Amino acid sequence: MTKQPDPASVKTVSLDSAYVAITCAALLYAVAWVMGCSTAPSHNSAGGRKLASSQQLNRPPDGEKALTAISGRKLTLEKMAQRAATSLQFSNEEYGVTFDAPKGYVLRAGELPGMDRGLGYLGAIPMHFAEPGGIRLATVEPPQGLHLGTNFVNEFFTVSAHYGSTEAVCADFNIPVESRGTPVTRAVDGINFRGFAEYSAASMHEYNGIYLHAFTNETCYEIGYGVATAGSSPSVTDTSNPTNLRNINAENQLHKLERILENVHINPPDFERNTAD
């Protein structure tokens, strides 16, 4: 006869198995909950760090950011310096003269150096005061290489002053009579300047210029501008020229230089302003 299991023992085993299963399930749930909390994204979690890392990849490091800003400021300063250099504003408080030269040209304050191009074979850029004692304030000349392929030699715009002169002496020029052209009058900053067109030629070179004088502030002011060219033909292509250079129009160049007169200003000299104060 087969022995039947004790009901009490079977109940105990069933209850023990259920208890173990419930306990394991609880433990698994607890472990899952803890793991879930630990992997939840936050600012201090791995996910947060990953997000921060992706943002940092899209943003330059602090060193590069500072370098970019410095480069930008440097570029701005360079542009400002270039603009100041190319504006070529001349100012002389002693004689009260200011003007702006054309961009790209060369502005020289004071006397010209001995190696200046001047008028080529025709000599240096002149001053035409009737008496000695004049002082060159500034001269504007084009850069080297301007008008390549032409018979252009040089052009200039110059301003000089002769303090202590008289109005009668200022009205005269040391330009030879044979070199004087038609009389010329120009209004500069409300002051009437008067003078002559000037022309000379030698050694297959030509010079065309205009010189003007005006007396104010006990000073004789002189403004001159001119163009020097090689050859003596009109401003057309000279087919007989073996170098085949194109001849520039000197009259047109003079008109361009004459535009500088529009921004020339003449104020009382610095010493007169200080005396008046």
C-alpha atoms as a PDB file:
ATOM      1  CA  MET A   1       0.000   0.000   0.000  1.00  0.00           C
ATOM      2  CA  THR A   2       1.349   3.310  -1.101  1.00  0.00           C
ATOM      3  CA  LYS A   3       2.038   5.800   1.599  1.00  0.00           C
ATOM      4  CA  GLN A   4       0.254   9.133   1.095  1.00  0.00           C
ATOM      5  CA  PRO A   5       2.134  12.370   1.824  1.00  0.00           C
ATOM      6  CA  ASP A   6       1.237  14.207   4.910  1.00  0.00           C
ATOM      7  CA  PRO A   7      -1.081  17.116   4.001  1.00  0.00           C
ATOM      8  CA  ALA A   8       0.553  19.333   6.559  1.00  0.00           C
ATOM      9  CA  SER A   9       4.003  18.844   5.044  1.00  0.00           C
ATOM     10  CA  VAL A  10       2.709  19.514   1.525  1.00  0.00           C
ATOM     11  CA  LYS A  11       1.159  22.768   2.654  1.00  0.00           C
ATOM     12  CA  THR A  12       4.364  23.783   4.325  1.00  0.00           C
ATOM     13  CA  VAL A  13       6.426  23.120   1.216  1.00  0.00           C
ATOM     14  CA  SER A  14       3.975  25.057  -0.970  1.00  0.00           C
ATOM     15  CA  LEU A  15       3.973  28.006   1.348  1.00  0.00           C
ATOM     16  CA  ASP A  16       7.756  27.979   1.513  1.00  0.00           C
ATOM     17  CA  SER A  17       8.028  27.934  -2.300  1.00  0.00           C
ATOM     18  CA  ALA A  18       5.586  30.812  -2.677  1.00  0.00           C
ATOM     19  CA  TYR A  19       7.468  32.811  -0.076  1.00  0.00           C
ATOM     20  CA  VAL A  20      10.734  32.252  -1.904  1.00  0.00           C
ATOM     21  CA  ALA A  21       9.193  33.287  -5.229  1.00  0.00           C
ATOM     22  CA  ILE A  22       7.700  36.452  -3.760  1.00  0.00           C
ATOM     23  CA  THR A  23      10.963  37.306  -2.063  1.00  0.00           C
ATOM     24  CA  CYS A  24      12.939  36.854  -5.300  1.00  0.00           C
ATOM     25  CA  ALA A  25      10.468  38.974  -7.223  1.00  0.00           C
ATOM     26  CA  ALA A  26      10.727  41.724  -4.626  1.00  0.00           C
ATOM     27  CA  LEU A  27      14.477  41.625  -4.734  1.00  0.00           C
ATOM     28  CA  LEU A  28      14.498  41.798  -8.538  1.00  0.00           C
ATOM     29  CA  TYR A  29      12.114  44.740  -8.460  1.00  0.00           C
ATOM     30  CA  ALA A  30      14.237  46.509  -5.898  1.00  0.00           C
ATOM     31  CA  VAL A  31      17.360  45.932  -7.963  1.00  0.00           C
ATOM     32  CA  ALA A  32      15.607  47.153 -11.105  1.00  0.00           C
ATOM     33  CA  TRP A  33      14.349  50.266  -9.300  1.00  0.00           C
ATOM     34  CA  VAL A  34      17.817  51.057  -7.978  1.00  0.00           C
ATOM     35  CA  MET A  35      19.354  50.571 -11.403  1.00  0.00           C
ATOM     36  CA  GLY A  36      16.700  52.744 -12.992  1.00  0.00           C
ATOM     37  CA  CYS A  37      17.350  55.584 -10.568  1.00  0.00           C
ATOM     38  CA  SER A  38      21.050  55.380 -11.092  1.00  0.00           C
ATOM     39  CA  THR A  39      20.660  55.615 -14.886  1.00  0.00           C
ATOM     40  CA  ALA A  40      18.116  58.439 -14.872  1.00  0.00           C
ATOM     41  CA  PRO A  41      19.570  61.475 -16.735  1.00  0.00           C
ATOM     42  CA  SER A  42      20.493  64.438 -14.621  1.00  0.00           C
ATOM     43  CA  HIS A  43      22.994  67.285 -14.727  1.00  0.00           C
ATOM     44  CA  ASN A  44      25.437  65.099 -12.788  1.00  0.00           C
ATOM     45  CA  SER A  45      24.648  61.789 -14.502  1.00  0.00           C
ATOM     46  CA  ALA A  46      26.361  60.126 -17.418  1.00  0.00           C
ATOM     47  CA  GLY A  47      23.543  61.251 -19.678  1.00  0.00           C
ATOM     48  CA  GLY A  48      23.966  64.807 -18.463  1.00  0.00           C
ATOM     49  CA  ARG A  49      27.665  64.600 -19.063  1.00  0.00           C
ATOM     50  CA  LYS A  50      27.032  63.271 -22.543  1.00  0.00           C
ATOM     51  CA  LEU A  51      24.699  66.187 -23.300  1.00  0.00           C
ATOM     52  CA  ALA A  52      27.206  68.639 -21.915  1.00  0.00           C
ATOM     53  CA  SER A  53      29.913  67.016 -24.015  1.00  0.00           C
ATOM     54  CA  SER A  54      27.842  67.403 -27.179  1.00  0.00           C
ATOM     55  CA  GLN A  55      27.258  71.055 -26.363  1.00  0.00           C
ATOM     56  CA  GLN A  56      30.965  71.586 -25.771  1.00  0.00           C
ATOM     57  CA  LEU A  57      31.711  70.074 -29.174  1.00  0.00           C
ATOM     58  CA  ASN A  58      29.590  72.783 -30.780  1.00  0.00           C
ATOM     59  CA  ARG A  59      31.236  75.547 -28.736  1.00  0.00           C
ATOM     60  CA  PRO A  60      34.911  76.509 -29.206  1.00  0.00           C
ATOM     61  CA  PRO A  61      37.126  76.154 -26.145  1.00  0.00           C
ATOM     62  CA  ASP A  62      37.710  79.208 -24.038  1.00  0.00           C
ATOM     63  CA  GLY A  63      41.205  79.657 -25.478  1.00  0.00           C
ATOM     64  CA  GLU A  64      39.988  79.589 -29.057  1.00  0.00           C
ATOM     65  CA  LYS A  65      37.130  81.965 -28.248  1.00  0.00           C
ATOM     66  CA  ALA A  66      39.543  84.472 -26.749  1.00  0.00           C
ATOM     67  CA  LEU A  67      41.861  84.073 -29.727  1.00  0.00           C
ATOM     68  CA  THR A  68      39.024  84.764 -32.159  1.00  0.00           C
ATOM     69  CA  ALA A  69      38.031  87.921 -30.285  1.00  0.00           C
ATOM     70  CA  ILE A  70      41.600  89.174 -30.221  1.00  0.00           C
ATOM     71  CA  SER A  71      41.969  88.477 -33.938  1.00  0.00           C
ATOM     72  CA  GLY A  72      38.788  90.437 -34.640  1.00  0.00           C
ATOM     73  CA  ARG A  73      39.989  93.440 -32.671  1.00  0.00           C
ATOM     74  CA  LYS A  74      43.364  93.250 -34.372  1.00  0.00           C
ATOM     75  CA  LEU A  75      41.696  93.187 -37.780  1.00  0.00           C
ATOM     76  CA  THR A  76      39.582  96.219 -36.856  1.00  0.00           C
ATOM     77  CA  LEU A  77      42.642  98.119 -35.682  1.00  0.00           C
ATOM     78  CA  GLU A  78      44.481  97.226 -38.881  1.00  0.00           C
ATOM     79  CA  LYS A  79      41.563  98.477 -40.981  1.00  0.00           C
ATOM     80  CA  MET A  80      41.444 101.711 -38.966  1.00  0.00           C
ATOM     81  CA  ALA A  81      45.173 102.174 -39.407  1.00  0.00           C
ATOM     82  CA  GLN A  82      44.870 101.484 -43.125  1.00  0.00           C
ATOM     83  CA  ARG A  83      42.001 103.950 -43.430  1.00  0.00           C
ATOM     84  CA  ALA A  84      44.025 106.590 -41.584  1.00  0.00           C
ATOM     85  CA  ALA A  85      47.028 105.910 -43.788  1.00  0.00           C
ATOM     86  CA  THR A  86      45.051 106.148 -47.004  1.00  0.00           C
ATOM     87  CA  SER A  87      43.070 109.240 -46.051  1.00  0.00           C
ATOM     88  CA  LEU A  88      46.328 111.307 -46.181  1.00  0.00           C
ATOM     89  CA  GLN A  89      45.083 114.242 -44.178  1.00  0.00           C
ATOM     90  CA  PHE A  90      47.665 117.002 -43.857  1.00  0.00           C
ATOM     91  CA  SER A  91      47.507 119.525 -41.047  1.00  0.00           C
ATOM     92  CA  ASN A  92      49.968 122.261 -40.138  1.00  0.00           C
ATOM     93  CA  GLU A  93      48.843 124.352 -37.171  1.00  0.00           C
ATOM     94  CA  GLU A  94      51.792 126.734 -37.431  1.00  0.00           C
ATOM     95  CA  TYR A  95      50.488 128.078 -40.733  1.00  0.00           C
ATOM     96  CA  GLY A  96      46.856 126.972 -40.326  1.00  0.00           C
ATOM     97  CA  VAL A  97      46.786 124.778 -43.455  1.00  0.00           C
ATOM     98  CA  THR A  98      44.856 121.509 -43.782  1.00  0.00           C
ATOM     99  CA  PHE A  99      43.848 119.402 -46.778  1.00  0.00           C
ATOM    100  CA  ASP A 100      43.121 115.811 -47.824  1.00  0.00           C
ATOM    101  CA  ALA A 101      45.227 114.128 -50.495  1.00  0.00           C
ATOM    102  CA  PRO A 102      43.907 111.472 -52.888  1.00  0.00           C
ATOM    103  CA  LYS A 103      43.893 107.911 -51.590  1.00  0.00           C
ATOM    104  CA  GLY A 104      46.866 105.858 -52.656  1.00  0.00           C
ATOM    105  CA  TYR A 105      49.095 108.885 -53.206  1.00  0.00           C
ATOM    106  CA  VAL A 106      52.235 109.760 -51.255  1.00  0.00           C
ATOM    107  CA  LEU A 107      52.116 112.715 -48.869  1.00  0.00           C
ATOM    108  CA  ARG A 108      55.398 114.305 -47.850  1.00  0.00           C
ATOM    109  CA  ALA A 109      55.497 117.022 -45.217  1.00  0.00           C
ATOM    110  CA  GLY A 110      58.228 119.638 -45.399  1.00  0.00           C
ATOM    111  CA  GLU A 111      61.013 119.873 -47.934  1.00  0.00           C
ATOM    112  CA  LEU A 112      61.319 117.200 -50.591  1.00  0.00           C
ATOM    113  CA  PRO A 113      64.263 114.757 -50.525  1.00  0.00           C
ATOM    114  CA  GLY A 114      67.018 115.088 -53.092  1.00  0.00           C
ATOM    115  CA  MET A 115      65.975 111.833 -54.777  1.00  0.00           C
ATOM    116  CA  ASP A 116      62.436 113.036 -55.457  1.00  0.00           C
ATOM    117  CA  ARG A 117      61.304 112.397 -59.045  1.00  0.00           C
ATOM    118  CA  GLY A 118      60.317 116.033 -59.493  1.00  0.00           C
ATOM    119  CA  LEU A 119      59.777 117.023 -63.124  1.00  0.00           C
ATOM    120  CA  GLY A 120      62.209 114.488 -64.521  1.00  0.00           C
ATOM    121  CA  TYR A 121      64.817 116.096 -66.770  1.00  0.00           C
ATOM    122  CA  LEU A 122      63.182 119.465 -66.119  1.00  0.00           C
ATOM    123  CA  GLY A 123      64.337 119.614 -62.511  1.00  0.00           C
ATOM    124  CA  ALA A 124      62.812 119.626 -59.052  1.00  0.00           C
ATOM    125  CA  ILE A 125      59.281 120.658 -58.123  1.00  0.00           C
ATOM    126  CA  PRO A 126      59.615 124.444 -57.765  1.00  0.00           C
ATOM    127  CA  MET A 127      58.414 127.137 -55.403  1.00  0.00           C
ATOM    128  CA  HIS A 128      57.681 130.424 -57.167  1.00  0.00           C
ATOM    129  CA  PHE A 129      57.859 133.132 -54.492  1.00  0.00           C
ATOM    130  CA  ALA A 130      59.265 136.389 -55.830  1.00  0.00           C
ATOM    131  CA  GLU A 131      61.562 136.683 -52.777  1.00  0.00           C
ATOM    132  CA  PRO A 132      63.512 133.990 -50.920  1.00  0.00           C
ATOM    133  CA  GLY A 133      62.255 132.768 -47.569  1.00  0.00           C
ATOM    134  CA  GLY A 134      59.383 130.511 -48.596  1.00  0.00           C
ATOM    135  CA  ILE A 135      58.846 127.220 -46.765  1.00  0.00           C
ATOM    136  CA  ARG A 136      57.380 124.132 -48.391  1.00  0.00           C
ATOM    137  CA  LEU A 137      54.659 122.725 -46.153  1.00  0.00           C
ATOM    138  CA  ALA A 138      53.588 119.582 -48.011  1.00  0.00           C
ATOM    139  CA  THR A 139      53.708 117.854 -51.378  1.00  0.00           C
ATOM    140  CA  VAL A 140      51.498 115.107 -52.787  1.00  0.00           C
ATOM    141  CA  GLU A 141      52.820 112.772 -55.486  1.00  0.00           C
ATOM    142  CA  PRO A 142      51.494 109.543 -57.033  1.00  0.00           C
ATOM    143  CA  PRO A 143      52.896 106.139 -56.091  1.00  0.00           C
ATOM    144  CA  GLN A 144      55.502 104.455 -58.268  1.00  0.00           C
ATOM    145  CA  GLY A 145      53.999 102.524 -61.158  1.00  0.00           C
ATOM    146  CA  LEU A 146      51.009 104.775 -61.786  1.00  0.00           C
ATOM    147  CA  HIS A 147      50.039 105.051 -65.477  1.00  0.00           C
ATOM    148  CA  LEU A 148      52.235 102.203 -66.615  1.00  0.00           C
ATOM    149  CA  GLY A 149      52.624 101.980 -70.376  1.00  0.00           C
ATOM    150  CA  THR A 150      52.271 105.730 -70.859  1.00  0.00           C
ATOM    151  CA  ASN A 151      54.608 108.697 -71.210  1.00  0.00           C
ATOM    152  CA  PHE A 152      53.732 109.806 -67.668  1.00  0.00           C
ATOM    153  CA  VAL A 153      56.708 111.019 -65.593  1.00  0.00           C
ATOM    154  CA  ASN A 154      55.195 112.582 -62.476  1.00  0.00           C
ATOM    155  CA  GLU A 155      52.475 114.836 -61.110  1.00  0.00           C
ATOM    156  CA  PHE A 156      52.308 116.846 -57.916  1.00  0.00           C
ATOM    157  CA  PHE A 157      50.273 119.090 -55.661  1.00  0.00           C
ATOM    158  CA  THR A 158      52.288 121.290 -53.322  1.00  0.00           C
ATOM    159  CA  VAL A 159      51.568 123.960 -50.687  1.00  0.00           C
ATOM    160  CA  SER A 160      54.121 126.481 -49.421  1.00  0.00           C
ATOM    161  CA  ALA A 161      54.102 129.586 -47.220  1.00  0.00           C
ATOM    162  CA  HIS A 162      56.135 132.763 -46.870  1.00  0.00           C
ATOM    163  CA  TYR A 163      55.517 134.474 -43.545  1.00  0.00           C
ATOM    164  CA  GLY A 164      56.434 138.162 -43.333  1.00  0.00           C
ATOM    165  CA  SER A 165      55.886 138.838 -47.006  1.00  0.00           C
ATOM    166  CA  THR A 166      53.755 141.732 -48.265  1.00  0.00           C
ATOM    167  CA  GLU A 167      50.654 141.650 -50.406  1.00  0.00           C
ATOM    168  CA  ALA A 168      52.435 143.418 -53.288  1.00  0.00           C
ATOM    169  CA  VAL A 169      55.371 141.000 -53.294  1.00  0.00           C
ATOM    170  CA  CYS A 170      53.027 138.037 -52.897  1.00  0.00           C
ATOM    171  CA  ALA A 171      51.249 139.010 -56.121  1.00  0.00           C
ATOM    172  CA  ASP A 172      54.447 138.402 -58.077  1.00  0.00           C
ATOM    173  CA  PHE A 173      56.082 135.125 -59.172  1.00  0.00           C
ATOM    174  CA  ASN A 174      59.610 134.170 -60.167  1.00  0.00           C
ATOM    175  CA  ILE A 175      58.223 132.360 -63.213  1.00  0.00           C
ATOM    176  CA  PRO A 176      60.027 133.505 -66.381  1.00  0.00           C
ATOM    177  CA  VAL A 177      57.833 135.571 -68.669  1.00  0.00           C
ATOM    178  CA  GLU A 178      58.272 133.131 -71.552  1.00  0.00           C
ATOM    179  CA  SER A 179      56.969 130.290 -69.344  1.00  0.00           C
ATOM    180  CA  ARG A 180      53.851 132.122 -68.144  1.00  0.00           C
ATOM    181  CA  GLY A 181      50.585 131.098 -69.692  1.00  0.00           C
ATOM    182  CA  THR A 182      47.125 132.571 -69.159  1.00  0.00           C
ATOM    183  CA  PRO A 183      46.249 134.169 -65.796  1.00  0.00           C
ATOM    184  CA  VAL A 184      44.337 131.860 -63.441  1.00  0.00           C
ATOM    185  CA  THR A 185      42.053 132.642 -60.481  1.00  0.00           C
ATOM    186  CA  ARG A 186      40.775 130.044 -58.005  1.00  0.00           C
ATOM    187  CA  ALA A 187      38.701 130.424 -54.815  1.00  0.00           C
ATOM    188  CA  VAL A 188      40.194 128.344 -52.008  1.00  0.00           C
ATOM    189  CA  ASP A 189      38.347 128.290 -48.674  1.00  0.00           C
ATOM    190  CA  GLY A 190      36.806 131.684 -49.509  1.00  0.00           C
ATOM    191  CA  ILE A 191      40.185 133.214 -50.398  1.00  0.00           C
ATOM    192  CA  ASN A 192      40.929 134.323 -53.963  1.00  0.00           C
ATOM    193  CA  PHE A 193      44.179 132.822 -55.238  1.00  0.00           C
ATOM    194  CA  ARG A 194      45.659 134.296 -58.412  1.00  0.00           C
ATOM    195  CA  GLY A 195      48.463 133.089 -60.607  1.00  0.00           C
ATOM    196  CA  PHE A 196      49.476 131.655 -63.947  1.00  0.00           C
ATOM    197  CA  ALA A 197      49.503 128.513 -65.982  1.00  0.00           C
ATOM    198  CA  GLU A 198      53.105 127.449 -66.505  1.00  0.00           C
ATOM    199  CA  TYR A 199      54.700 125.510 -69.330  1.00  0.00           C
ATOM    200  CA  SER A 200      58.224 124.358 -70.142  1.00  0.00           C
ATOM    201  CA  ALA A 201      59.844 121.730 -72.350  1.00  0.00           C
ATOM    202  CA  ALA A 202      63.364 120.321 -72.716  1.00  0.00           C
ATOM    203  CA  SER A 203      65.088 117.021 -73.499  1.00  0.00           C
ATOM    204  CA  MET A 204      61.883 115.595 -74.963  1.00  0.00           C
ATOM    205  CA  HIS A 205      60.052 116.259 -71.697  1.00  0.00           C
ATOM    206  CA  GLU A 206      57.105 118.559 -71.056  1.00  0.00           C
ATOM    207  CA  TYR A 207      55.780 120.204 -67.941  1.00  0.00           C
ATOM    208  CA  ASN A 208      52.346 121.792 -67.503  1.00  0.00           C
ATOM    209  CA  GLY A 209      51.464 123.395 -64.202  1.00  0.00           C
ATOM    210  CA  ILE A 210      49.490 126.065 -62.377  1.00  0.00           C
ATOM    211  CA  TYR A 211      50.829 128.224 -59.535  1.00  0.00           C
ATOM    212  CA  LEU A 212      48.639 130.426 -57.330  1.00  0.00           C
ATOM    213  CA  HIS A 213      49.311 132.981 -54.585  1.00  0.00           C
ATOM    214  CA  ALA A 214      47.144 134.601 -51.927  1.00  0.00           C
ATOM    215  CA  PHE A 215      48.051 136.916 -49.056  1.00  0.00           C
ATOM    216  CA  THR A 216      46.336 136.480 -45.675  1.00  0.00           C
ATOM    217  CA  ASN A 217      47.338 136.170 -42.012  1.00  0.00           C
ATOM    218  CA  GLU A 218      50.494 138.175 -42.846  1.00  0.00           C
ATOM    219  CA  THR A 219      51.545 135.206 -44.952  1.00  0.00           C
ATOM    220  CA  CYS A 220      51.876 134.600 -48.671  1.00  0.00           C
ATOM    221  CA  TYR A 221      50.404 131.166 -49.402  1.00  0.00           C
ATOM    222  CA  GLU A 222      51.392 129.333 -52.550  1.00  0.00           C
ATOM    223  CA  ILE A 223      49.570 126.406 -54.149  1.00  0.00           C
ATOM    224  CA  GLY A 224      51.045 124.651 -57.163  1.00  0.00           C
ATOM    225  CA  TYR A 225      50.112 121.558 -59.133  1.00  0.00           C
ATOM    226  CA  GLY A 226      51.466 120.157 -62.351  1.00  0.00           C
ATOM    227  CA  VAL A 227      52.164 117.188 -64.613  1.00  0.00           C
ATOM    228  CA  ALA A 228      55.434 116.133 -66.257  1.00  0.00           C
ATOM    229  CA  THR A 229      55.456 113.866 -69.311  1.00  0.00           C
ATOM    230  CA  ALA A 230      57.966 112.446 -71.763  1.00  0.00           C
ATOM    231  CA  GLY A 231      57.579 113.536 -75.397  1.00  0.00           C
ATOM    232  CA  SER A 232      55.894 116.555 -76.921  1.00  0.00           C
ATOM    233  CA  SER A 233      52.934 115.134 -78.832  1.00  0.00           C
ATOM    234  CA  PRO A 234      49.258 115.627 -77.963  1.00  0.00           C
ATOM    235  CA  SER A 235      47.386 113.173 -75.762  1.00  0.00           C
ATOM    236  CA  VAL A 236      46.863 110.469 -78.352  1.00  0.00           C
ATOM    237  CA  THR A 237      48.739 107.306 -79.166  1.00  0.00           C
ATOM    238  CA  ASP A 238      51.968 108.288 -80.887  1.00  0.00           C
ATOM    239  CA  THR A 239      52.564 105.738 -83.651  1.00  0.00           C
ATOM    240  CA  SER A 240      55.979 107.204 -84.328  1.00  0.00           C
ATOM    241  CA  ASN A 241      57.084 106.521 -80.775  1.00  0.00           C
ATOM    242  CA  PRO A 242      59.429 103.499 -80.930  1.00  0.00           C
ATOM    243  CA  THR A 243      58.494 102.523 -77.367  1.00  0.00           C
ATOM    244  CA  ASN A 244      54.807 102.606 -78.323  1.00  0.00           C
ATOM    245  CA  LEU A 245      53.835 104.415 -75.105  1.00  0.00           C
ATOM    246  CA  ARG A 246      50.375 105.887 -74.786  1.00  0.00           C
ATOM    247  CA  ASN A 247      50.426 109.644 -74.187  1.00  0.00           C
ATOM    248  CA  ILE A 248      48.337 110.801 -71.265  1.00  0.00           C
ATOM    249  CA  ASN A 249      46.254 113.964 -71.371  1.00  0.00           C
ATOM    250  CA  ALA A 250      48.089 116.459 -69.160  1.00  0.00           C
ATOM    251  CA  GLU A 251      45.093 118.795 -69.031  1.00  0.00           C
ATOM    252  CA  ASN A 252      42.865 116.048 -67.666  1.00  0.00           C
ATOM    253  CA  GLN A 253      45.465 115.224 -65.031  1.00  0.00           C
ATOM    254  CA  LEU A 254      45.570 118.881 -63.974  1.00  0.00           C
ATOM    255  CA  HIS A 255      41.795 118.888 -63.529  1.00  0.00           C
ATOM    256  CA  LYS A 256      42.050 115.833 -61.270  1.00  0.00           C
ATOM    257  CA  LEU A 257      44.737 117.483 -59.153  1.00  0.00           C
ATOM    258  CA  GLU A 258      42.636 120.633 -58.969  1.00  0.00           C
ATOM    259  CA  ARG A 259      39.974 118.730 -57.031  1.00  0.00           C
ATOM    260  CA  ILE A 260      42.267 118.819 -54.002  1.00  0.00           C
ATOM    261  CA  LEU A 261      41.567 122.569 -53.817  1.00  0.00           C
ATOM    262  CA  GLU A 262      38.023 121.755 -52.706  1.00  0.00           C
ATOM    263  CA  ASN A 263      39.191 120.512 -49.296  1.00  0.00           C
ATOM    264  CA  VAL A 264      42.058 122.945 -48.639  1.00  0.00           C
ATOM    265  CA  HIS A 265      41.406 125.062 -45.544  1.00  0.00           C
ATOM    266  CA  ILE A 266      43.459 128.034 -44.382  1.00  0.00           C
ATOM    267  CA  ASN A 267      42.942 129.247 -40.815  1.00  0.00           C
ATOM    268  CA  PRO A 268      44.831 131.793 -38.735  1.00  0.00           C
ATOM    269  CA  PRO A 269      48.248 130.376 -37.838  1.00  0.00           C
ATOM    270  CA  ASP A 270      48.741 128.805 -34.438  1.00  0.00           C
ATOM    271  CA  PHE A 271      50.873 131.669 -33.080  1.00  0.00           C
ATOM    272  CA  GLU A 272      48.187 134.214 -34.006  1.00  0.00           C
ATOM    273  CA  ARG A 273      45.475 132.184 -32.273  1.00  0.00           C
ATOM    274  CA  ASN A 274      47.598 131.918 -29.133  1.00  0.00           C
ATOM    275  CA  THR A 275      48.288 135.659 -29.189  1.00  0.00           C
ATOM    276  CA  ALA A 276      44.585 136.431 -29.539  1.00  0.00           C
ATOM    277  CA  ASP A 277      43.802 134.252 -26.520  1.00  0.00           C
END
